[in-house]
């Protein structure tokens, strides 16, 4: 099916429940084919890559490319980042006019090139600014249609997330996704799942867990320990798109005979199938050099397979390498 953009506002149910795992906004990865791949394996809602509010207002080609979608790519949440309230409002108007329904404000990305613009986790230095942006977005999109993704705080401040939850109470915000590290930690150390429990107990806003959910068992344990309303897979999905189904199976306490586990080769071939269908061939083949090696790195012979994959220049070559997998 050809790629398109929504032509009219469609508001499918956004599932906020521990049995309905989400796919995180992954810069450079959560494009249309990867989102569809994860949905095929049980993902209930997916986020776009981070969309620059300023880029959207200027209609830059790269920004518009990130918004490619299709009817099967639903429900879809558009994640926005920016440092200006006016840019956020203007980008929301554009997105609403295009038919998008769900939105998320990024105030957790600690990558240097984002932070230096005053966006992402840099907003944690000024929680009032986050509140103003989130309230404006919620007013424009409607109750329950907007969330935020945040961290514990900036640098050594570890309670900003609670300040935000308090100030956004009764605001119409639909969810708060917490990656329980400070911005200064980046991805070092261990995610503080206790903070997820604290947040859940402190607010009536649904809480989505992110951070160190590398396996389905990790996610199951996180829900058990924290009581969060849902979980969001990020790096765990990059390593294993089948993680969504594995998690659902664990939640249902499936016996081994009920499991729908796939051979890794099948998962890789399904990845190739979605990228061939939904991504321009030249760029898609190049993406396989990054995505497939992540999926196979734990298997015997992964190093040699990786060497072959990064030399591939067409789909036939990629598939021949996949056929060598044991």
C-alpha atoms as a PDB file:
ATOM      1  CA  UNK A   1       0.000   0.000   0.000  1.00  0.00           C
ATOM      2  CA  UNK A   2       1.325   3.432  -0.849  1.00  0.00           C
ATOM      3  CA  UNK A   3       2.352   5.874   1.833  1.00  0.00           C
ATOM      4  CA  UNK A   4      -0.008   8.701   2.585  1.00  0.00           C
ATOM      5  CA  UNK A   5      -1.023  11.138   5.272  1.00  0.00           C
ATOM      6  CA  UNK A   6      -4.356  11.210   7.077  1.00  0.00           C
ATOM      7  CA  UNK A   7      -6.886  13.158   5.033  1.00  0.00           C
ATOM      8  CA  UNK A   8      -9.359  13.651   7.875  1.00  0.00           C
ATOM      9  CA  UNK A   9      -9.171  13.540  11.678  1.00  0.00           C
ATOM     10  CA  UNK A  10      -9.401   9.928  12.795  1.00  0.00           C
ATOM     11  CA  UNK A  11      -9.227   9.186  16.506  1.00  0.00           C
ATOM     12  CA  UNK A  12      -8.708   5.471  17.064  1.00  0.00           C
ATOM     13  CA  UNK A  13      -8.560   4.270  20.617  1.00  0.00           C
ATOM     14  CA  UNK A  14      -5.172   4.884  22.230  1.00  0.00           C
ATOM     15  CA  UNK A  15      -4.682   1.857  24.480  1.00  0.00           C
ATOM     16  CA  UNK A  16      -3.327   2.746  27.912  1.00  0.00           C
ATOM     17  CA  UNK A  17      -3.118  -0.638  29.620  1.00  0.00           C
ATOM     18  CA  UNK A  18      -0.263  -2.903  30.782  1.00  0.00           C
ATOM     19  CA  UNK A  19      -1.369  -5.538  28.251  1.00  0.00           C
ATOM     20  CA  UNK A  20      -0.999  -3.146  25.287  1.00  0.00           C
ATOM     21  CA  UNK A  21       2.710  -2.228  24.895  1.00  0.00           C
ATOM     22  CA  UNK A  22       3.837   0.851  22.962  1.00  0.00           C
ATOM     23  CA  UNK A  23       6.785   1.606  20.693  1.00  0.00           C
ATOM     24  CA  UNK A  24       8.900   4.601  21.726  1.00  0.00           C
ATOM     25  CA  UNK A  25       9.932   7.485  19.455  1.00  0.00           C
ATOM     26  CA  UNK A  26      13.365   6.302  18.336  1.00  0.00           C
ATOM     27  CA  UNK A  27      15.422   8.881  16.469  1.00  0.00           C
ATOM     28  CA  UNK A  28      16.660   7.365  13.238  1.00  0.00           C
ATOM     29  CA  UNK A  29      14.652   4.163  13.655  1.00  0.00           C
ATOM     30  CA  UNK A  30      10.906   4.473  14.348  1.00  0.00           C
ATOM     31  CA  UNK A  31       9.986   5.283  10.771  1.00  0.00           C
ATOM     32  CA  UNK A  32       6.912   3.917   9.007  1.00  0.00           C
ATOM     33  CA  UNK A  33       8.282   0.456   8.081  1.00  0.00           C
ATOM     34  CA  UNK A  34       9.715  -0.144  11.554  1.00  0.00           C
ATOM     35  CA  UNK A  35       6.470   0.954  13.206  1.00  0.00           C
ATOM     36  CA  UNK A  36       4.484  -1.408  10.989  1.00  0.00           C
ATOM     37  CA  UNK A  37       6.922  -4.213  11.754  1.00  0.00           C
ATOM     38  CA  UNK A  38       6.425  -3.717  15.486  1.00  0.00           C
ATOM     39  CA  UNK A  39       2.651  -3.489  15.079  1.00  0.00           C
ATOM     40  CA  UNK A  40       2.767  -6.828  13.249  1.00  0.00           C
ATOM     41  CA  UNK A  41       4.395  -8.314  16.334  1.00  0.00           C
ATOM     42  CA  UNK A  42       1.918  -6.903  18.867  1.00  0.00           C
ATOM     43  CA  UNK A  43       2.715  -3.207  19.333  1.00  0.00           C
ATOM     44  CA  UNK A  44      -0.543  -1.436  20.230  1.00  0.00           C
ATOM     45  CA  UNK A  45       0.501   2.189  19.658  1.00  0.00           C
ATOM     46  CA  UNK A  46       3.566   3.763  18.095  1.00  0.00           C
ATOM     47  CA  UNK A  47       5.284   7.137  18.102  1.00  0.00           C
ATOM     48  CA  UNK A  48       6.927   8.962  15.242  1.00  0.00           C
ATOM     49  CA  UNK A  49      10.545   9.950  15.514  1.00  0.00           C
ATOM     50  CA  UNK A  50      10.959  13.337  17.194  1.00  0.00           C
ATOM     51  CA  UNK A  51       9.479  16.044  14.965  1.00  0.00           C
ATOM     52  CA  UNK A  52      11.046  19.494  15.124  1.00  0.00           C
ATOM     53  CA  UNK A  53       8.341  22.108  15.690  1.00  0.00           C
ATOM     54  CA  UNK A  54      10.519  24.678  13.944  1.00  0.00           C
ATOM     55  CA  UNK A  55      11.204  22.300  11.053  1.00  0.00           C
ATOM     56  CA  UNK A  56       7.500  21.636  10.675  1.00  0.00           C
ATOM     57  CA  UNK A  57       6.616  25.327  10.579  1.00  0.00           C
ATOM     58  CA  UNK A  58       9.219  25.775   7.842  1.00  0.00           C
ATOM     59  CA  UNK A  59       8.007  22.612   6.051  1.00  0.00           C
ATOM     60  CA  UNK A  60      11.520  21.200   5.709  1.00  0.00           C
ATOM     61  CA  UNK A  61      11.765  18.056   3.589  1.00  0.00           C
ATOM     62  CA  UNK A  62      13.415  15.937   6.288  1.00  0.00           C
ATOM     63  CA  UNK A  63      10.731  16.854   8.815  1.00  0.00           C
ATOM     64  CA  UNK A  64       7.875  16.042   6.451  1.00  0.00           C
ATOM     65  CA  UNK A  65       9.533  12.713   5.613  1.00  0.00           C
ATOM     66  CA  UNK A  66       9.243  11.668   9.264  1.00  0.00           C
ATOM     67  CA  UNK A  67       5.460  12.098   9.119  1.00  0.00           C
ATOM     68  CA  UNK A  68       4.867   9.493   6.419  1.00  0.00           C
ATOM     69  CA  UNK A  69       2.162   7.077   7.487  1.00  0.00           C
ATOM     70  CA  UNK A  70      -0.634   4.857   6.162  1.00  0.00           C
ATOM     71  CA  UNK A  71      -4.004   3.572   7.429  1.00  0.00           C
ATOM     72  CA  UNK A  72      -2.430   0.482   9.031  1.00  0.00           C
ATOM     73  CA  UNK A  73      -0.130   2.731  11.068  1.00  0.00           C
ATOM     74  CA  UNK A  74      -2.688   3.469  13.749  1.00  0.00           C
ATOM     75  CA  UNK A  75      -3.009   4.676  16.448  1.00  0.00           C
ATOM     76  CA  UNK A  76      -0.037   6.959  15.812  1.00  0.00           C
ATOM     77  CA  UNK A  77       1.375   9.561  18.210  1.00  0.00           C
ATOM     78  CA  UNK A  78       3.386  12.442  16.773  1.00  0.00           C
ATOM     79  CA  UNK A  79       6.151  13.496  19.133  1.00  0.00           C
ATOM     80  CA  UNK A  80       7.155  17.158  18.919  1.00  0.00           C
ATOM     81  CA  UNK A  81      10.209  18.941  20.271  1.00  0.00           C
ATOM     82  CA  UNK A  82      10.912  22.646  20.410  1.00  0.00           C
ATOM     83  CA  UNK A  83      11.908  25.524  22.641  1.00  0.00           C
ATOM     84  CA  UNK A  84       9.301  28.083  21.612  1.00  0.00           C
ATOM     85  CA  UNK A  85       5.641  28.029  22.647  1.00  0.00           C
ATOM     86  CA  UNK A  86       4.697  29.794  19.422  1.00  0.00           C
ATOM     87  CA  UNK A  87       6.484  27.134  17.352  1.00  0.00           C
ATOM     88  CA  UNK A  88       4.733  24.381  19.296  1.00  0.00           C
ATOM     89  CA  UNK A  89       1.329  25.967  18.686  1.00  0.00           C
ATOM     90  CA  UNK A  90       1.972  26.541  14.994  1.00  0.00           C
ATOM     91  CA  UNK A  91       3.205  22.988  14.496  1.00  0.00           C
ATOM     92  CA  UNK A  92       0.135  21.645  16.300  1.00  0.00           C
ATOM     93  CA  UNK A  93      -2.131  23.616  13.959  1.00  0.00           C
ATOM     94  CA  UNK A  94      -0.353  22.132  10.947  1.00  0.00           C
ATOM     95  CA  UNK A  95      -0.552  18.587  12.286  1.00  0.00           C
ATOM     96  CA  UNK A  96      -4.207  18.874  13.257  1.00  0.00           C
ATOM     97  CA  UNK A  97      -5.033  20.218   9.799  1.00  0.00           C
ATOM     98  CA  UNK A  98      -3.301  17.162   8.316  1.00  0.00           C
ATOM     99  CA  UNK A  99      -5.507  14.866  10.373  1.00  0.00           C
ATOM    100  CA  UNK A 100      -3.149  13.697  13.108  1.00  0.00           C
ATOM    101  CA  UNK A 101      -4.847  13.116  16.463  1.00  0.00           C
ATOM    102  CA  UNK A 102      -2.347  12.158  19.169  1.00  0.00           C
ATOM    103  CA  UNK A 103       0.675  14.192  20.232  1.00  0.00           C
ATOM    104  CA  UNK A 104       3.547  13.984  22.687  1.00  0.00           C
ATOM    105  CA  UNK A 105       5.889  16.714  23.943  1.00  0.00           C
ATOM    106  CA  UNK A 106       9.507  15.643  24.226  1.00  0.00           C
ATOM    107  CA  UNK A 107      11.131  17.031  27.339  1.00  0.00           C
ATOM    108  CA  UNK A 108      13.480  14.121  27.895  1.00  0.00           C
ATOM    109  CA  UNK A 109      15.907  13.911  24.972  1.00  0.00           C
ATOM    110  CA  UNK A 110      19.371  14.711  26.316  1.00  0.00           C
ATOM    111  CA  UNK A 111      21.275  14.496  23.018  1.00  0.00           C
ATOM    112  CA  UNK A 112      23.609  17.485  22.758  1.00  0.00           C
ATOM    113  CA  UNK A 113      22.322  18.821  19.427  1.00  0.00           C
ATOM    114  CA  UNK A 114      18.767  18.913  20.812  1.00  0.00           C
ATOM    115  CA  UNK A 115      19.611  20.287  24.247  1.00  0.00           C
ATOM    116  CA  UNK A 116      21.733  23.134  22.883  1.00  0.00           C
ATOM    117  CA  UNK A 117      18.643  24.531  21.129  1.00  0.00           C
ATOM    118  CA  UNK A 118      16.794  24.707  24.452  1.00  0.00           C
ATOM    119  CA  UNK A 119      14.589  21.753  23.476  1.00  0.00           C
ATOM    120  CA  UNK A 120      14.175  18.228  24.807  1.00  0.00           C
ATOM    121  CA  UNK A 121      15.599  17.688  28.287  1.00  0.00           C
ATOM    122  CA  UNK A 122      16.799  21.307  28.406  1.00  0.00           C
ATOM    123  CA  UNK A 123      13.166  22.225  29.108  1.00  0.00           C
ATOM    124  CA  UNK A 124      13.555  20.532  32.502  1.00  0.00           C
ATOM    125  CA  UNK A 125      15.500  23.586  33.628  1.00  0.00           C
ATOM    126  CA  UNK A 126      12.217  25.492  33.411  1.00  0.00           C
ATOM    127  CA  UNK A 127       9.245  23.224  34.287  1.00  0.00           C
ATOM    128  CA  UNK A 128       6.797  26.109  33.873  1.00  0.00           C
ATOM    129  CA  UNK A 129       7.694  26.230  30.186  1.00  0.00           C
ATOM    130  CA  UNK A 130       6.865  22.523  29.821  1.00  0.00           C
ATOM    131  CA  UNK A 131       3.530  23.078  31.542  1.00  0.00           C
ATOM    132  CA  UNK A 132       2.669  25.996  29.244  1.00  0.00           C
ATOM    133  CA  UNK A 133       3.494  23.942  26.153  1.00  0.00           C
ATOM    134  CA  UNK A 134       1.626  20.851  27.319  1.00  0.00           C
ATOM    135  CA  UNK A 135      -1.462  22.851  28.284  1.00  0.00           C
ATOM    136  CA  UNK A 136      -1.490  24.616  24.920  1.00  0.00           C
ATOM    137  CA  UNK A 137      -1.191  21.294  23.091  1.00  0.00           C
ATOM    138  CA  UNK A 138      -3.967  19.707  25.177  1.00  0.00           C
ATOM    139  CA  UNK A 139      -6.263  22.661  24.580  1.00  0.00           C
ATOM    140  CA  UNK A 140      -5.752  22.399  20.831  1.00  0.00           C
ATOM    141  CA  UNK A 141      -6.002  18.612  20.517  1.00  0.00           C
ATOM    142  CA  UNK A 142      -8.565  17.861  23.200  1.00  0.00           C
ATOM    143  CA  UNK A 143      -8.596  15.942  26.500  1.00  0.00           C
ATOM    144  CA  UNK A 144      -6.577  12.741  26.554  1.00  0.00           C
ATOM    145  CA  UNK A 145      -4.930  13.372  23.183  1.00  0.00           C
ATOM    146  CA  UNK A 146      -1.591  14.752  24.412  1.00  0.00           C
ATOM    147  CA  UNK A 147       1.159  13.404  26.650  1.00  0.00           C
ATOM    148  CA  UNK A 148       4.693  14.279  27.669  1.00  0.00           C
ATOM    149  CA  UNK A 149       7.872  12.205  27.780  1.00  0.00           C
ATOM    150  CA  UNK A 150      10.284  13.316  30.477  1.00  0.00           C
ATOM    151  CA  UNK A 151      13.127  12.376  32.791  1.00  0.00           C
ATOM    152  CA  UNK A 152      13.629  12.736  36.543  1.00  0.00           C
ATOM    153  CA  UNK A 153      15.096  16.190  36.128  1.00  0.00           C
ATOM    154  CA  UNK A 154      18.080  18.095  34.856  1.00  0.00           C
ATOM    155  CA  UNK A 155      21.545  17.121  36.167  1.00  0.00           C
ATOM    156  CA  UNK A 156      21.293  16.493  39.918  1.00  0.00           C
ATOM    157  CA  UNK A 157      17.654  17.546  40.222  1.00  0.00           C
ATOM    158  CA  UNK A 158      15.657  14.322  40.514  1.00  0.00           C
ATOM    159  CA  UNK A 159      12.123  15.456  41.400  1.00  0.00           C
ATOM    160  CA  UNK A 160      11.148  17.708  38.508  1.00  0.00           C
ATOM    161  CA  UNK A 161       8.947  14.922  37.157  1.00  0.00           C
ATOM    162  CA  UNK A 162       6.798  15.157  40.307  1.00  0.00           C
ATOM    163  CA  UNK A 163       6.512  18.926  39.935  1.00  0.00           C
ATOM    164  CA  UNK A 164       5.290  18.439  36.373  1.00  0.00           C
ATOM    165  CA  UNK A 165       2.759  15.792  37.389  1.00  0.00           C
ATOM    166  CA  UNK A 166       1.405  18.077  40.098  1.00  0.00           C
ATOM    167  CA  UNK A 167       1.114  21.104  37.833  1.00  0.00           C
ATOM    168  CA  UNK A 168      -0.492  19.086  35.031  1.00  0.00           C
ATOM    169  CA  UNK A 169      -3.108  17.480  37.268  1.00  0.00           C
ATOM    170  CA  UNK A 170      -6.652  17.999  35.889  1.00  0.00           C
ATOM    171  CA  UNK A 171      -5.144  19.522  32.742  1.00  0.00           C
ATOM    172  CA  UNK A 172      -6.522  17.013  30.263  1.00  0.00           C
ATOM    173  CA  UNK A 173      -3.084  15.486  29.713  1.00  0.00           C
ATOM    174  CA  UNK A 174      -3.535  11.878  28.644  1.00  0.00           C
ATOM    175  CA  UNK A 175      -0.263  10.327  29.889  1.00  0.00           C
ATOM    176  CA  UNK A 176       3.183  10.961  31.300  1.00  0.00           C
ATOM    177  CA  UNK A 177       6.016   8.778  30.030  1.00  0.00           C
ATOM    178  CA  UNK A 178       8.929   8.710  32.449  1.00  0.00           C
ATOM    179  CA  UNK A 179      12.439   7.577  31.632  1.00  0.00           C
ATOM    180  CA  UNK A 180      13.709   7.447  35.217  1.00  0.00           C
ATOM    181  CA  UNK A 181      17.192   8.872  34.739  1.00  0.00           C
ATOM    182  CA  UNK A 182      18.305  12.487  34.924  1.00  0.00           C
ATOM    183  CA  UNK A 183      19.211  14.285  31.718  1.00  0.00           C
ATOM    184  CA  UNK A 184      22.829  14.317  32.861  1.00  0.00           C
ATOM    185  CA  UNK A 185      22.910  10.533  33.087  1.00  0.00           C
ATOM    186  CA  UNK A 186      22.049  10.100  29.398  1.00  0.00           C
ATOM    187  CA  UNK A 187      21.767   6.273  29.291  1.00  0.00           C
ATOM    188  CA  UNK A 188      24.394   5.491  31.908  1.00  0.00           C
ATOM    189  CA  UNK A 189      23.764   3.743  35.189  1.00  0.00           C
ATOM    190  CA  UNK A 190      20.466   2.039  35.932  1.00  0.00           C
ATOM    191  CA  UNK A 191      16.955   3.385  35.411  1.00  0.00           C
ATOM    192  CA  UNK A 192      15.353   4.181  38.774  1.00  0.00           C
ATOM    193  CA  UNK A 193      12.150   2.181  38.584  1.00  0.00           C
ATOM    194  CA  UNK A 194      11.278   3.271  42.136  1.00  0.00           C
ATOM    195  CA  UNK A 195      10.608   6.724  40.668  1.00  0.00           C
ATOM    196  CA  UNK A 196       7.975   5.182  38.394  1.00  0.00           C
ATOM    197  CA  UNK A 197       6.220   3.769  41.446  1.00  0.00           C
ATOM    198  CA  UNK A 198       6.459   7.133  43.188  1.00  0.00           C
ATOM    199  CA  UNK A 199       4.974   8.903  40.183  1.00  0.00           C
ATOM    200  CA  UNK A 200       2.169   6.384  39.826  1.00  0.00           C
ATOM    201  CA  UNK A 201       1.212   6.875  43.469  1.00  0.00           C
ATOM    202  CA  UNK A 202       1.420  10.687  43.190  1.00  0.00           C
ATOM    203  CA  UNK A 203      -0.786  11.331  40.156  1.00  0.00           C
ATOM    204  CA  UNK A 204      -4.037  10.266  38.540  1.00  0.00           C
ATOM    205  CA  UNK A 205      -2.519  10.834  35.088  1.00  0.00           C
ATOM    206  CA  UNK A 206      -1.673   7.495  33.426  1.00  0.00           C
ATOM    207  CA  UNK A 207       2.021   6.691  33.790  1.00  0.00           C
ATOM    208  CA  UNK A 208       3.982   4.991  31.007  1.00  0.00           C
ATOM    209  CA  UNK A 209       7.282   3.317  31.896  1.00  0.00           C
ATOM    210  CA  UNK A 210      10.404   3.703  29.768  1.00  0.00           C
ATOM    211  CA  UNK A 211      14.019   2.859  30.461  1.00  0.00           C
ATOM    212  CA  UNK A 212      15.959  -0.419  30.729  1.00  0.00           C
ATOM    213  CA  UNK A 213      13.139  -2.517  29.253  1.00  0.00           C
ATOM    214  CA  UNK A 214      15.520  -4.628  27.220  1.00  0.00           C
ATOM    215  CA  UNK A 215      13.547  -7.882  27.424  1.00  0.00           C
ATOM    216  CA  UNK A 216       9.923  -8.896  27.825  1.00  0.00           C
ATOM    217  CA  UNK A 217      10.794 -10.152  31.304  1.00  0.00           C
ATOM    218  CA  UNK A 218      12.199  -6.716  32.203  1.00  0.00           C
ATOM    219  CA  UNK A 219       8.897  -5.112  31.240  1.00  0.00           C
ATOM    220  CA  UNK A 220       6.860  -7.657  33.180  1.00  0.00           C
ATOM    221  CA  UNK A 221       8.991  -7.055  36.279  1.00  0.00           C
ATOM    222  CA  UNK A 222       8.735  -3.277  35.870  1.00  0.00           C
ATOM    223  CA  UNK A 223       4.934  -3.420  35.797  1.00  0.00           C
ATOM    224  CA  UNK A 224       4.884  -5.734  38.805  1.00  0.00           C
ATOM    225  CA  UNK A 225       7.187  -3.515  40.861  1.00  0.00           C
ATOM    226  CA  UNK A 226       5.776  -0.124  39.941  1.00  0.00           C
ATOM    227  CA  UNK A 227       2.105  -0.548  39.070  1.00  0.00           C
ATOM    228  CA  UNK A 228       2.452   1.676  35.988  1.00  0.00           C
ATOM    229  CA  UNK A 229      -0.393   1.915  33.497  1.00  0.00           C
ATOM    230  CA  UNK A 230       1.647   0.804  30.482  1.00  0.00           C
ATOM    231  CA  UNK A 231       5.149   0.260  29.166  1.00  0.00           C
ATOM    232  CA  UNK A 232       7.040   1.615  26.170  1.00  0.00           C
ATOM    233  CA  UNK A 233       9.759  -0.411  24.459  1.00  0.00           C
ATOM    234  CA  UNK A 234      12.704   1.494  22.966  1.00  0.00           C
ATOM    235  CA  UNK A 235      16.123  -0.143  22.648  1.00  0.00           C
ATOM    236  CA  UNK A 236      14.523  -3.494  23.502  1.00  0.00           C
ATOM    237  CA  UNK A 237      12.424  -3.251  20.323  1.00  0.00           C
ATOM    238  CA  UNK A 238      15.451  -2.341  18.210  1.00  0.00           C
ATOM    239  CA  UNK A 239      17.199  -5.499  19.325  1.00  0.00           C
ATOM    240  CA  UNK A 240      14.077  -7.636  19.029  1.00  0.00           C
ATOM    241  CA  UNK A 241      10.880  -6.369  17.341  1.00  0.00           C
ATOM    242  CA  UNK A 242       9.160  -9.566  18.514  1.00  0.00           C
ATOM    243  CA  UNK A 243       9.520  -8.308  22.098  1.00  0.00           C
ATOM    244  CA  UNK A 244       5.928  -7.040  22.040  1.00  0.00           C
ATOM    245  CA  UNK A 245       4.481 -10.495  21.433  1.00  0.00           C
ATOM    246  CA  UNK A 246       6.880 -12.054  23.930  1.00  0.00           C
ATOM    247  CA  UNK A 247       5.710  -9.577  26.564  1.00  0.00           C
ATOM    248  CA  UNK A 248       2.032 -10.193  25.765  1.00  0.00           C
ATOM    249  CA  UNK A 249       2.613 -13.938  26.018  1.00  0.00           C
ATOM    250  CA  UNK A 250       4.229 -13.507  29.425  1.00  0.00           C
ATOM    251  CA  UNK A 251       1.341 -11.332  30.607  1.00  0.00           C
ATOM    252  CA  UNK A 252      -1.095 -14.032  29.515  1.00  0.00           C
ATOM    253  CA  UNK A 253       1.088 -16.662  31.197  1.00  0.00           C
ATOM    254  CA  UNK A 254       1.211 -18.658  27.966  1.00  0.00           C
ATOM    255  CA  UNK A 255       2.709 -22.119  28.195  1.00  0.00           C
ATOM    256  CA  UNK A 256       5.564 -22.937  25.809  1.00  0.00           C
ATOM    257  CA  UNK A 257       3.124 -24.825  23.585  1.00  0.00           C
ATOM    258  CA  UNK A 258       0.983 -21.676  23.242  1.00  0.00           C
ATOM    259  CA  UNK A 259       3.916 -19.441  22.353  1.00  0.00           C
ATOM    260  CA  UNK A 260       4.091 -17.931  18.886  1.00  0.00           C
ATOM    261  CA  UNK A 261       7.843 -17.472  19.010  1.00  0.00           C
ATOM    262  CA  UNK A 262       9.416 -17.071  15.603  1.00  0.00           C
ATOM    263  CA  UNK A 263      12.816 -18.104  14.399  1.00  0.00           C
ATOM    264  CA  UNK A 264      15.108 -15.078  14.259  1.00  0.00           C
ATOM    265  CA  UNK A 265      15.493 -15.613  10.537  1.00  0.00           C
ATOM    266  CA  UNK A 266      11.737 -15.108  10.097  1.00  0.00           C
ATOM    267  CA  UNK A 267      11.852 -11.871  12.087  1.00  0.00           C
ATOM    268  CA  UNK A 268      14.712 -10.541   9.971  1.00  0.00           C
ATOM    269  CA  UNK A 269      12.948 -11.486   6.738  1.00  0.00           C
ATOM    270  CA  UNK A 270       9.780  -9.757   7.941  1.00  0.00           C
ATOM    271  CA  UNK A 271      11.885  -6.654   8.618  1.00  0.00           C
ATOM    272  CA  UNK A 272      13.198  -6.778   5.070  1.00  0.00           C
ATOM    273  CA  UNK A 273       9.652  -7.194   3.749  1.00  0.00           C
ATOM    274  CA  UNK A 274       8.377  -4.015   5.455  1.00  0.00           C
ATOM    275  CA  UNK A 275      11.337  -1.906   4.386  1.00  0.00           C
ATOM    276  CA  UNK A 276      11.103  -3.089   0.788  1.00  0.00           C
ATOM    277  CA  UNK A 277       7.424  -2.150   0.723  1.00  0.00           C
ATOM    278  CA  UNK A 278       7.424   1.148   2.598  1.00  0.00           C
ATOM    279  CA  UNK A 279      10.863   2.713   2.124  1.00  0.00           C
ATOM    280  CA  UNK A 280      12.720   3.841  -0.998  1.00  0.00           C
ATOM    281  CA  UNK A 281      14.992   0.961  -1.968  1.00  0.00           C
ATOM    282  CA  UNK A 282      18.407   2.622  -1.801  1.00  0.00           C
ATOM    283  CA  UNK A 283      17.950   4.102   1.633  1.00  0.00           C
ATOM    284  CA  UNK A 284      16.148   1.023   2.935  1.00  0.00           C
ATOM    285  CA  UNK A 285      18.998  -1.299   1.999  1.00  0.00           C
ATOM    286  CA  UNK A 286      21.406   0.983   3.831  1.00  0.00           C
ATOM    287  CA  UNK A 287      19.156   0.851   6.894  1.00  0.00           C
ATOM    288  CA  UNK A 288      19.358  -2.925   6.908  1.00  0.00           C
ATOM    289  CA  UNK A 289      23.083  -2.577   7.560  1.00  0.00           C
ATOM    290  CA  UNK A 290      22.224  -0.971  10.889  1.00  0.00           C
ATOM    291  CA  UNK A 291      19.008  -2.716  11.917  1.00  0.00           C
ATOM    292  CA  UNK A 292      19.689  -6.376  11.129  1.00  0.00           C
ATOM    293  CA  UNK A 293      23.076  -6.535  12.911  1.00  0.00           C
ATOM    294  CA  UNK A 294      21.354  -5.366  16.120  1.00  0.00           C
ATOM    295  CA  UNK A 295      18.869  -8.221  15.879  1.00  0.00           C
ATOM    296  CA  UNK A 296      21.411 -10.977  15.254  1.00  0.00           C
ATOM    297  CA  UNK A 297      24.251  -9.950  17.529  1.00  0.00           C
ATOM    298  CA  UNK A 298      23.571 -12.706  20.076  1.00  0.00           C
ATOM    299  CA  UNK A 299      23.580 -15.620  17.653  1.00  0.00           C
ATOM    300  CA  UNK A 300      26.451 -17.869  16.667  1.00  0.00           C
ATOM    301  CA  UNK A 301      28.344 -16.441  13.706  1.00  0.00           C
ATOM    302  CA  UNK A 302      26.889 -12.944  14.114  1.00  0.00           C
ATOM    303  CA  UNK A 303      30.216 -11.243  13.480  1.00  0.00           C
ATOM    304  CA  UNK A 304      30.682 -12.846  10.074  1.00  0.00           C
ATOM    305  CA  UNK A 305      27.055 -12.265   9.092  1.00  0.00           C
ATOM    306  CA  UNK A 306      27.385  -8.618  10.035  1.00  0.00           C
ATOM    307  CA  UNK A 307      30.439  -8.249   7.801  1.00  0.00           C
ATOM    308  CA  UNK A 308      28.431  -9.631   4.897  1.00  0.00           C
ATOM    309  CA  UNK A 309      25.391  -7.458   5.590  1.00  0.00           C
ATOM    310  CA  UNK A 310      27.311  -4.182   5.596  1.00  0.00           C
ATOM    311  CA  UNK A 311      28.574  -5.011   2.107  1.00  0.00           C
ATOM    312  CA  UNK A 312      25.084  -5.572   0.689  1.00  0.00           C
ATOM    313  CA  UNK A 313      23.848  -3.096  -1.903  1.00  0.00           C
ATOM    314  CA  UNK A 314      20.548  -4.673  -2.965  1.00  0.00           C
ATOM    315  CA  UNK A 315      17.696  -6.743  -1.583  1.00  0.00           C
ATOM    316  CA  UNK A 316      18.778 -10.012  -3.159  1.00  0.00           C
ATOM    317  CA  UNK A 317      22.136  -9.765  -1.405  1.00  0.00           C
ATOM    318  CA  UNK A 318      20.423  -9.052   1.941  1.00  0.00           C
ATOM    319  CA  UNK A 319      18.117 -12.051   1.575  1.00  0.00           C
ATOM    320  CA  UNK A 320      21.009 -14.359   0.654  1.00  0.00           C
ATOM    321  CA  UNK A 321      22.736 -13.423   3.906  1.00  0.00           C
ATOM    322  CA  UNK A 322      19.484 -14.031   5.833  1.00  0.00           C
ATOM    323  CA  UNK A 323      19.263 -17.504   4.359  1.00  0.00           C
ATOM    324  CA  UNK A 324      22.587 -18.373   5.994  1.00  0.00           C
ATOM    325  CA  UNK A 325      21.201 -17.814   9.490  1.00  0.00           C
ATOM    326  CA  UNK A 326      20.833 -20.898  11.656  1.00  0.00           C
END
